[in-house]
Each structure stands twice: as C-alpha cells, then as structure tokens.
C-alpha atoms as a PDB file:
ATOM      1  CA  MET A   1      87.151 281.804  99.089  1.00  0.00           C
ATOM      2  CA  ASP A   2      86.486 278.058  98.821  1.00  0.00           C
ATOM      3  CA  MET A   3      83.307 277.592 101.179  1.00  0.00           C
ATOM      4  CA  GLN A   4      83.612 274.151 101.029  1.00  0.00           C
ATOM      5  CA  LYS A   5      87.292 273.744 102.759  1.00  0.00           C
ATOM      6  CA  ASP A   6      87.440 272.687 105.798  1.00  0.00           C
ATOM      7  CA  MET A   7      87.319 275.193 108.694  1.00  0.00           C
ATOM      8  CA  ILE A   8      87.224 275.762 112.346  1.00  0.00           C
ATOM      9  CA  ALA A   9      85.381 278.782 113.445  1.00  0.00           C
ATOM     10  CA  PRO A  10      85.042 279.678 117.430  1.00  0.00           C
ATOM     11  CA  SER A  11      82.414 281.512 118.535  1.00  0.00           C
ATOM     12  CA  ILE A  12      83.095 284.431 120.903  1.00  0.00           C
ATOM     13  CA  LEU A  13      80.091 283.533 122.533  1.00  0.00           C
ATOM     14  CA  SER A  14      81.800 281.211 125.081  1.00  0.00           C
ATOM     15  CA  ALA A  15      85.126 283.814 125.387  1.00  0.00           C
ATOM     16  CA  ASP A  16      85.741 286.184 127.846  1.00  0.00           C
ATOM     17  CA  PHE A  17      83.853 289.237 127.119  1.00  0.00           C
ATOM     18  CA  ALA A  18      85.943 291.166 129.404  1.00  0.00           C
ATOM     19  CA  GLY A  19      88.873 290.580 126.846  1.00  0.00           C
ATOM     20  CA  LEU A  20      87.111 290.048 123.519  1.00  0.00           C
ATOM     21  CA  GLY A  21      90.061 291.587 121.262  1.00  0.00           C
ATOM     22  CA  GLU A  22      92.677 289.601 123.035  1.00  0.00           C
ATOM     23  CA  GLU A  23      90.654 286.364 123.020  1.00  0.00           C
ATOM     24  CA  ILE A  24      90.076 286.875 118.785  1.00  0.00           C
ATOM     25  CA  ARG A  25      93.727 287.401 118.501  1.00  0.00           C
ATOM     26  CA  ALA A  26      94.764 284.478 120.796  1.00  0.00           C
ATOM     27  CA  ALA A  27      92.217 282.191 118.743  1.00  0.00           C
ATOM     28  CA  GLU A  28      93.764 283.427 115.026  1.00  0.00           C
ATOM     29  CA  LYS A  29      97.032 282.557 116.542  1.00  0.00           C
ATOM     30  CA  ALA A  30      95.874 279.475 117.716  1.00  0.00           C
ATOM     31  CA  GLY A  31      95.098 278.553 114.126  1.00  0.00           C
ATOM     32  CA  ALA A  32      91.336 279.508 113.940  1.00  0.00           C
ATOM     33  CA  ASP A  33      90.070 279.875 110.188  1.00  0.00           C
ATOM     34  CA  VAL A  34      87.008 282.008 110.916  1.00  0.00           C
ATOM     35  CA  ILE A  35      85.606 284.013 113.706  1.00  0.00           C
ATOM     36  CA  HIS A  36      81.975 283.250 114.606  1.00  0.00           C
ATOM     37  CA  LEU A  37      80.057 285.933 116.000  1.00  0.00           C
ATOM     38  CA  ASP A  38      76.511 284.991 117.586  1.00  0.00           C
ATOM     39  CA  VAL A  39      73.973 288.188 117.439  1.00  0.00           C
ATOM     40  CA  MET A  40      70.791 287.541 119.706  1.00  0.00           C
ATOM     41  CA  ASP A  41      68.310 289.923 120.591  1.00  0.00           C
ATOM     42  CA  GLY A  42      66.464 288.430 123.365  1.00  0.00           C
ATOM     43  CA  HIS A  43      63.245 287.886 121.071  1.00  0.00           C
ATOM     44  CA  PHE A  44      64.020 285.300 118.468  1.00  0.00           C
ATOM     45  CA  VAL A  45      66.274 283.541 121.238  1.00  0.00           C
ATOM     46  CA  PRO A  46      66.152 283.920 124.915  1.00  0.00           C
ATOM     47  CA  ASN A  47      69.568 285.577 124.830  1.00  0.00           C
ATOM     48  CA  LEU A  48      70.923 289.026 124.305  1.00  0.00           C
ATOM     49  CA  THR A  49      74.529 289.635 122.750  1.00  0.00           C
ATOM     50  CA  PHE A  50      75.908 292.372 121.004  1.00  0.00           C
ATOM     51  CA  GLY A  51      75.359 294.628 118.059  1.00  0.00           C
ATOM     52  CA  PRO A  52      77.249 296.539 115.126  1.00  0.00           C
ATOM     53  CA  PRO A  53      79.320 298.801 117.255  1.00  0.00           C
ATOM     54  CA  VAL A  54      81.071 295.759 119.162  1.00  0.00           C
ATOM     55  CA  ILE A  55      81.728 293.977 115.882  1.00  0.00           C
ATOM     56  CA  LYS A  56      83.342 297.096 114.328  1.00  0.00           C
ATOM     57  CA  ALA A  57      85.280 297.591 117.159  1.00  0.00           C
ATOM     58  CA  LEU A  58      86.388 293.807 116.961  1.00  0.00           C
ATOM     59  CA  ARG A  59      87.214 294.064 113.292  1.00  0.00           C
ATOM     60  CA  LYS A  60      90.157 295.775 113.937  1.00  0.00           C
ATOM     61  CA  THR A  61      91.707 292.849 116.013  1.00  0.00           C
ATOM     62  CA  THR A  62      92.077 290.530 113.302  1.00  0.00           C
ATOM     63  CA  ASN A  63      91.812 289.875 109.375  1.00  0.00           C
ATOM     64  CA  LEU A  64      90.121 286.627 109.702  1.00  0.00           C
ATOM     65  CA  PRO A  65      86.422 286.652 108.265  1.00  0.00           C
ATOM     66  CA  PHE A  66      83.748 287.380 110.540  1.00  0.00           C
ATOM     67  CA  ASP A  67      81.117 285.011 110.263  1.00  0.00           C
ATOM     68  CA  VAL A  68      77.681 286.936 111.869  1.00  0.00           C
ATOM     69  CA  HIS A  69      75.166 284.175 112.573  1.00  0.00           C
ATOM     70  CA  LEU A  70      71.829 286.714 113.053  1.00  0.00           C
ATOM     71  CA  MET A  71      69.760 285.118 115.727  1.00  0.00           C
ATOM     72  CA  ILE A  72      67.273 288.169 115.531  1.00  0.00           C
ATOM     73  CA  SER A  73      63.774 289.125 114.606  1.00  0.00           C
ATOM     74  CA  ASN A  74      63.465 291.056 111.208  1.00  0.00           C
ATOM     75  CA  PRO A  75      67.087 290.810 110.048  1.00  0.00           C
ATOM     76  CA  ASP A  76      66.739 292.811 106.901  1.00  0.00           C
ATOM     77  CA  ARG A  77      66.365 295.908 109.010  1.00  0.00           C
ATOM     78  CA  TYR A  78      69.691 295.476 110.396  1.00  0.00           C
ATOM     79  CA  ILE A  79      71.643 293.685 107.464  1.00  0.00           C
ATOM     80  CA  LYS A  80      73.164 296.757 106.011  1.00  0.00           C
ATOM     81  CA  ALA A  81      74.207 297.614 109.369  1.00  0.00           C
ATOM     82  CA  TYR A  82      76.452 294.453 110.261  1.00  0.00           C
ATOM     83  CA  ALA A  83      77.685 294.791 106.887  1.00  0.00           C
ATOM     84  CA  ASP A  84      79.235 298.057 107.303  1.00  0.00           C
ATOM     85  CA  ALA A  85      80.462 297.038 110.848  1.00  0.00           C
ATOM     86  CA  GLY A  86      82.650 294.361 109.291  1.00  0.00           C
ATOM     87  CA  ALA A  87      81.009 291.403 108.688  1.00  0.00           C
ATOM     88  CA  ASP A  88      82.445 288.925 105.801  1.00  0.00           C
ATOM     89  CA  TRP A  89      79.373 286.395 106.106  1.00  0.00           C
ATOM     90  CA  ILE A  90      76.190 287.135 107.221  1.00  0.00           C
ATOM     91  CA  THR A  91      73.799 284.178 108.065  1.00  0.00           C
ATOM     92  CA  VAL A  92      70.166 284.477 108.652  1.00  0.00           C
ATOM     93  CA  HIS A  93      67.498 282.252 109.966  1.00  0.00           C
ATOM     94  CA  VAL A  94      64.864 280.951 107.622  1.00  0.00           C
ATOM     95  CA  GLU A  95      62.267 281.178 110.374  1.00  0.00           C
ATOM     96  CA  THR A  96      62.648 285.109 110.686  1.00  0.00           C
ATOM     97  CA  CYS A  97      62.583 285.803 106.939  1.00  0.00           C
ATOM     98  CA  PRO A  98      59.399 285.659 105.311  1.00  0.00           C
ATOM     99  CA  HIS A  99      61.156 286.910 101.810  1.00  0.00           C
ATOM    100  CA  LEU A 100      64.337 284.889 102.480  1.00  0.00           C
ATOM    101  CA  HIS A 101      65.197 285.194  98.683  1.00  0.00           C
ATOM    102  CA  ARG A 102      65.181 289.206  98.727  1.00  0.00           C
ATOM    103  CA  THR A 103      66.883 288.749 102.031  1.00  0.00           C
ATOM    104  CA  ILE A 104      70.004 286.381 100.376  1.00  0.00           C
ATOM    105  CA  HIS A 105      70.136 288.777  97.859  1.00  0.00           C
ATOM    106  CA  HIS A 106      70.566 291.933  99.593  1.00  0.00           C
ATOM    107  CA  ILE A 107      73.545 290.271 101.566  1.00  0.00           C
ATOM    108  CA  LYS A 108      74.800 289.443  98.323  1.00  0.00           C
ATOM    109  CA  GLU A 109      74.342 292.710  96.711  1.00  0.00           C
ATOM    110  CA  LEU A 110      76.946 294.142  99.532  1.00  0.00           C
ATOM    111  CA  ASN A 111      79.556 291.660  98.517  1.00  0.00           C
ATOM    112  CA  LYS A 112      79.331 289.523 101.449  1.00  0.00           C
ATOM    113  CA  LYS A 113      78.639 285.910 101.784  1.00  0.00           C
ATOM    114  CA  ALA A 114      75.014 284.573 102.215  1.00  0.00           C
ATOM    115  CA  GLY A 115      74.001 282.217 104.465  1.00  0.00           C
ATOM    116  CA  ALA A 116      70.661 280.428 105.598  1.00  0.00           C
ATOM    117  CA  VAL A 117      70.392 278.530 108.800  1.00  0.00           C
ATOM    118  CA  LEU A 118      68.088 275.844 110.033  1.00  0.00           C
ATOM    119  CA  ASN A 119      67.080 275.517 113.509  1.00  0.00           C
ATOM    120  CA  PRO A 120      67.137 271.313 114.735  1.00  0.00           C
ATOM    121  CA  ALA A 121      63.504 271.093 114.137  1.00  0.00           C
ATOM    122  CA  THR A 122      62.930 273.013 110.732  1.00  0.00           C
ATOM    123  CA  PRO A 123      63.255 270.578 108.026  1.00  0.00           C
ATOM    124  CA  LEU A 124      65.541 270.917 104.698  1.00  0.00           C
ATOM    125  CA  CYS A 125      62.813 271.171 102.283  1.00  0.00           C
ATOM    126  CA  PHE A 126      62.791 275.193 103.522  1.00  0.00           C
ATOM    127  CA  LEU A 127      65.991 275.635 101.277  1.00  0.00           C
ATOM    128  CA  ASP A 128      64.612 274.092  98.046  1.00  0.00           C
ATOM    129  CA  HIS A 129      63.873 277.141  96.150  1.00  0.00           C
ATOM    130  CA  ILE A 130      67.165 279.012  97.744  1.00  0.00           C
ATOM    131  CA  LEU A 131      69.554 276.281  97.991  1.00  0.00           C
ATOM    132  CA  ALA A 132      71.350 277.621  94.551  1.00  0.00           C
ATOM    133  CA  ASP A 133      71.493 281.400  95.986  1.00  0.00           C
ATOM    134  CA  VAL A 134      73.644 280.721  99.240  1.00  0.00           C
ATOM    135  CA  ASP A 135      77.359 280.343 100.091  1.00  0.00           C
ATOM    136  CA  LEU A 136      76.623 278.378 102.948  1.00  0.00           C
ATOM    137  CA  VAL A 137      73.936 276.619 104.839  1.00  0.00           C
ATOM    138  CA  MET A 138      74.011 276.681 108.819  1.00  0.00           C
ATOM    139  CA  LEU A 139      72.387 273.940 110.634  1.00  0.00           C
ATOM    140  CA  MET A 140      71.753 274.458 114.273  1.00  0.00           C
ATOM    141  CA  SER A 141      72.651 271.326 116.177  1.00  0.00           C
ATOM    142  CA  VAL A 142      71.252 272.731 119.602  1.00  0.00           C
ATOM    143  CA  ASN A 143      68.190 274.867 119.934  1.00  0.00           C
ATOM    144  CA  PRO A 144      69.862 278.390 119.791  1.00  0.00           C
ATOM    145  CA  GLY A 145      70.589 280.905 122.277  1.00  0.00           C
ATOM    146  CA  PHE A 146      72.971 279.744 124.928  1.00  0.00           C
ATOM    147  CA  GLY A 147      76.528 278.114 124.494  1.00  0.00           C
ATOM    148  CA  GLY A 148      77.733 274.873 125.903  1.00  0.00           C
ATOM    149  CA  GLN A 149      74.812 272.843 124.684  1.00  0.00           C
ATOM    150  CA  SER A 150      75.006 269.138 124.120  1.00  0.00           C
ATOM    151  CA  PHE A 151      75.024 268.026 120.174  1.00  0.00           C
ATOM    152  CA  ILE A 152      71.485 266.615 118.836  1.00  0.00           C
ATOM    153  CA  PRO A 153      72.278 263.025 117.499  1.00  0.00           C
ATOM    154  CA  ASP A 154      69.547 263.276 114.669  1.00  0.00           C
ATOM    155  CA  THR A 155      71.562 266.604 113.053  1.00  0.00           C
ATOM    156  CA  LEU A 156      73.907 263.884 111.639  1.00  0.00           C
ATOM    157  CA  ASN A 157      71.288 262.315 109.133  1.00  0.00           C
ATOM    158  CA  LYS A 158      70.191 266.104 108.322  1.00  0.00           C
ATOM    159  CA  ILE A 159      74.063 266.766 107.297  1.00  0.00           C
ATOM    160  CA  ARG A 160      73.809 263.791 105.052  1.00  0.00           C
ATOM    161  CA  LYS A 161      70.856 264.888 103.241  1.00  0.00           C
ATOM    162  CA  LEU A 162      71.870 268.315 103.019  1.00  0.00           C
ATOM    163  CA  LYS A 163      75.248 267.082 101.363  1.00  0.00           C
ATOM    164  CA  LYS A 164      73.537 265.201  98.860  1.00  0.00           C
ATOM    165  CA  LYS A 165      71.341 267.726  97.912  1.00  0.00           C
ATOM    166  CA  ILE A 166      73.850 269.867  97.340  1.00  0.00           C
ATOM    167  CA  ASP A 167      76.318 267.430  95.790  1.00  0.00           C
ATOM    168  CA  GLY A 168      73.301 266.398  93.348  1.00  0.00           C
ATOM    169  CA  ARG A 169      72.601 269.707  91.992  1.00  0.00           C
ATOM    170  CA  GLY A 170      76.739 270.504  91.564  1.00  0.00           C
ATOM    171  CA  LEU A 171      76.565 273.427  94.108  1.00  0.00           C
ATOM    172  CA  LYS A 172      79.627 274.799  96.046  1.00  0.00           C
ATOM    173  CA  ALA A 173      77.814 276.025  99.096  1.00  0.00           C
ATOM    174  CA  GLY A 174      79.565 275.176 102.619  1.00  0.00           C
ATOM    175  CA  ILE A 175      77.452 273.155 105.172  1.00  0.00           C
ATOM    176  CA  GLU A 176      78.385 274.861 108.872  1.00  0.00           C
ATOM    177  CA  ILE A 177      77.437 273.163 112.142  1.00  0.00           C
ATOM    178  CA  ASP A 178      76.860 275.023 115.195  1.00  0.00           C
ATOM    179  CA  GLY A 179      76.356 273.580 118.757  1.00  0.00           C
ATOM    180  CA  GLY A 180      78.100 270.912 120.389  1.00  0.00           C
ATOM    181  CA  VAL A 181      81.151 270.766 118.269  1.00  0.00           C
ATOM    182  CA  SER A 182      83.804 268.865 120.464  1.00  0.00           C
ATOM    183  CA  PRO A 183      86.944 266.514 119.686  1.00  0.00           C
ATOM    184  CA  THR A 184      84.123 263.835 120.243  1.00  0.00           C
ATOM    185  CA  THR A 185      81.412 264.864 117.848  1.00  0.00           C
ATOM    186  CA  ILE A 186      83.206 266.028 115.390  1.00  0.00           C
ATOM    187  CA  SER A 187      84.560 263.158 113.448  1.00  0.00           C
ATOM    188  CA  ALA A 188      81.056 262.258 112.861  1.00  0.00           C
ATOM    189  CA  ILE A 189      79.753 265.666 111.751  1.00  0.00           C
ATOM    190  CA  ARG A 190      82.878 265.651 109.352  1.00  0.00           C
ATOM    191  CA  GLU A 191      82.300 262.301 107.721  1.00  0.00           C
ATOM    192  CA  ALA A 192      78.400 263.037 107.509  1.00  0.00           C
ATOM    193  CA  GLY A 193      79.428 266.214 105.002  1.00  0.00           C
ATOM    194  CA  ALA A 194      79.983 269.144 107.114  1.00  0.00           C
ATOM    195  CA  ASN A 195      83.050 271.371 106.751  1.00  0.00           C
ATOM    196  CA  ILE A 196      82.643 274.594 108.700  1.00  0.00           C
ATOM    197  CA  PHE A 197      82.502 273.878 112.269  1.00  0.00           C
ATOM    198  CA  VAL A 198      81.498 276.259 115.013  1.00  0.00           C
ATOM    199  CA  ALA A 199      83.300 275.768 118.307  1.00  0.00           C
ATOM    200  CA  GLY A 200      82.587 277.904 121.266  1.00  0.00           C
ATOM    201  CA  SER A 201      83.219 276.182 124.757  1.00  0.00           C
ATOM    202  CA  ALA A 202      85.711 273.667 122.969  1.00  0.00           C
ATOM    203  CA  VAL A 203      88.011 276.381 122.281  1.00  0.00           C
ATOM    204  CA  PHE A 204      87.624 278.879 124.773  1.00  0.00           C
ATOM    205  CA  GLY A 205      86.626 276.630 127.566  1.00  0.00           C
ATOM    206  CA  SER A 206      90.057 275.199 127.027  1.00  0.00           C
ATOM    207  CA  GLU A 207      93.314 276.278 128.937  1.00  0.00           C
ATOM    208  CA  ASP A 208      95.272 275.580 125.602  1.00  0.00           C
ATOM    209  CA  TYR A 209      93.484 277.405 122.297  1.00  0.00           C
ATOM    210  CA  ALA A 210      96.169 276.062 119.877  1.00  0.00           C
ATOM    211  CA  LYS A 211      95.835 272.468 121.302  1.00  0.00           C
ATOM    212  CA  ALA A 212      91.818 272.711 121.130  1.00  0.00           C
ATOM    213  CA  ILE A 213      92.046 273.730 117.389  1.00  0.00           C
ATOM    214  CA  SER A 214      94.432 271.221 116.567  1.00  0.00           C
ATOM    215  CA  LEU A 215      92.290 268.315 117.938  1.00  0.00           C
ATOM    216  CA  LEU A 216      89.201 269.664 116.309  1.00  0.00           C
ATOM    217  CA  LYS A 217      91.323 269.999 112.832  1.00  0.00           C
ATOM    218  CA  ILE A 218      92.759 266.310 113.098  1.00  0.00           C
ATOM    219  CA  ALA A 219      89.705 264.277 114.459  1.00  0.00           C
ATOM    220  CA  LYS A 220      88.844 262.401 111.324  1.00  0.00           C
END
C-alpha cells in the first residue's frame, strides 16, 4: 500500500457507539479510505475507549484498513493482541515507548504497518533515528484524549519540517494528522505536506457522510 497517497480516515471516536458496525459501513459507503480507531486507557490520556474484543468484532464489518492508534501506557504489552484483533496499521506514541526501535520492529514483524506518533509539544528530533523504519508518522494537532477539539495552528510548521526530512532522505513514510481536521483546515494541512487525514466530528458529526468526505477530498 502506498502510504503517501491521499487518504481520509474517519475516527469512530466521534461515531454513534450504539451502532459502530453500521457507522463503519456507512463511512465505507461514503468513501472513507481507512477507519481510524482511537484506543485510550485513562492513564496516558484522560479518557477510556475500547480494547481488542471490540476491534475484533468490528473487523467483520469492513475490509478497509484499520488504523489503530494506541494512546496507552506500555503499548508493547498489547501490540500482538491488537494485531490479532484485526489492526492493519498500529501507531504508538514516542512518549510511551522507552525502546521505540524495538516497538516499531515488533509491529513490523507482525506484518502490520508501523507508525510513530508525536504529541503537539513533542519535537521532531525524537524521530531522527527511527524515521527510516516507520511506515507513517502521525502528528497530533490537538492534545489527545477527546474528539471535537480545534486544530493547533503551529502543527503546520511541524508538518512542513517533517515532510522536508522525509523527502530529503528519500523515504516513503506517510504523514498522518489527527485532530481538528475539517473542510476549513484540511487545505492548509494538505499543502503543508500531510496526506492521511483523521476526521472525526467532521464526518460523523455531519448529516451526510458522503458529502462530508467528498468535501475533505476535494479541498485544495
């Protein structure tokens, strides 16, 4: 899979939890490229969501890639469980991984796409010695934990610098942005160099998912 192609990844954090399977099928029908699943443990971030059993159940609803974002402490303990549950991409926060190289390669050994995530205040230099090993980098453009937050403008400079690093080294890693992505922000985010866009309330908070995703795709 080309990780540098343009992709819209609706986040089910903003979906109706009473009917997640139906919500995922609706997002796929509406044109979603990836399904984003935010896993939160109430420790690393101040919220709780779901674990491997829920992802395993949802895996039956679609063939779209599952982008599983582990916002949890000690993710190494749970990577295989999420891989077995049906994750296709597994992304981990550099802030939670004391041995990031080992963690990334553990994900890759399970034949999954491996990504590193940076919180808004975490500098890009944390990626210097792992950038060649990852399939994607996710930049948080809000402080993680809750959906519906506003995009942090300085993320645009961070995207530009990351894109320059990736291109300068001839790498093929994708750049994913999570937080505050909407029809009014996505053009600048895309222009800065990102190509994977996590959209929660912008999709699931709309009355017409197909129209919402189309607006995100065509915004230039």
